[in-house]
Amino acid sequence: MREVEQLIDGHWGPGSGGRTLTVTDPRDGTPVTRVPVSSEADVAAAVKAARAAAPGWARTAPAARAAALHAAATAVEAAADELAEIMAAEMGKPVDGARDSIGAGVGTLRQYAELGAVHRGRTLAGDSAAIDLMAYAPRGVVAVITPWNDPVAVSLGLLGAALVTGNTVVHKPSERTPGTGWRLARLLAPHFPENVLTLVNGDGPVGAALAAAEVDVVAHVGSTATGRAIAAACAVTGAKALLENGGSDPVIVDAGVDPRWAAQQVALGAFVNSGQICVAVERVYVHSSISGAFVDALAEEASRWSAEIGPLVDEQLRTLVDAQVREAVSAGARVVCGGEVPEGPGAFYPPTVLADCTDDMAVVREETFGPVAPVVTVDSFESALQRAADSPYGLAATVLTTSMSHAQQAWRELPAGTVKINAVFGGAPGGAAHPRRGSGQGFGYGPELLDEMTVTKAVHIEAPPSGW
């Protein structure tokens, strides 16, 4: 079993908490990682060490910070196979998919290495005898609290943006993937000065202590409930809350599209990573003219995916997913395929298609975070658009259509940070978005994330009066 440590004030060790957590493999229930839970004193010590290191790292030349990120990216890339194995053991993602995810994270880290050196302010048109400029500076200490469902790629994005802009970081990985977070920190830390990157471990109380500490930014990817608690803590301390929370992302399948192609898109969005991604397809609004053919095709796709997906992260999540499915069936939904907890070890749940769903069902209204595709039949594109917009979330949405006018209407009107037309995934690497409502606040990706990690200062400089 893997033994995890913390990194505080330049030292790796168990910390002073005295409590430990054990992570089990969701594929068969065997123990894989034991992690010490940080005490409040550990969190305070990590923040203090990061604060002491902040001025020196802020003064480091941007090109030198970028070079450190490139070196760190190379180290992570070389250890991708090992990291993928740890990810698979802790959260169940198949190794090939985990390796792809790590590769994407390495690419993001290199992207921020390139962007950081050219992230700068601008001059203003002021008095000809003076200089006016807008200058950027690091915010200071950034608390990075990351999730279990994509623990390397998400962490590298937030860590990279924070570090390259001159901030120091206290990182708390999810308690479900602490071995992944620990190994990642082991790979990254040697490329930065002492205490520029520190690591604490543990569950909700540790995250709450870190969010309430004297940090300047709390960057969090995870559940809406946790995000709201962090926002409340930041309202007290004055720290900036940078949040990407949950979502219940809709897909609209318009009349006239090929139902088999649409089913392939929806299956990809609903079943990849066993549905455990923030921008997973959570609800499907399909036009009545193709709903029958679409549901049949989606069931075929679900059968194909059943041989490819891994387990859910643990049995607790599986119980919640199954409860939503059962509640929907009791309210009139029809199970087309899946919908049964399989026998045997592990937290596996089959790709599930539900037809005849309604808007008031929890499987449609809430975030399921499992491989479930609930289908709602609609009579018009306008009805689909209205119902897709009626949600407490606003992370992302997808529209599958042959109509350019419908595509234009959708991206303009849907209240989501990201709107994708005719592809459930994809987009240029520099893209960034503002999640809305219960899905969070602030940019989480792209060059704009560098702006989130910095403060802007207006500077006015005049020459001293003559004769001084």
Foldseek 3Di string as FASTA:
>chain_A
DAEFFWAFQNDTHLEDQPDKDWFFFQQFGHTDYIHRAYDLVRLQRLLVLQQVCQVVLQPDQLLLLLVLLLQLLVLLLVCLQVLLVLLCRLFNFPSVVLSVLLVLLSVLSNVLSVLLNVDFWAWDDDDPQWTKIKGKTFQEEEEEEEESLRQNNLVSNLVSLQSSRRYAYEYEYALSRSVSVRVSCVSNVVSDPGSSYTYGYDHDVSLLSNLLDQGAEYEYEEALVSLVSSVVSCVVNVHHYFYFHADAAEEEEAPPDDLLLVLVQLQCQQCRSQLQDRLRHQEYEYEPVCVVVNLVNNVVSLVVCQVPYTAGSHQVLLVQLLVLLVQQVVVPKDWPDWSDQDDDGRRHGGQTEIEPGDCVRCSNADRSNGNYYYYDYDHHLVVVLVSSQPHQWAAEYEYEDPDPVSVVVNVVPRRHFYYYYNHSDDDDQQDWTAIDGSRGGDTSHHPRSSVVRIDMDMDMGHDDDPPD
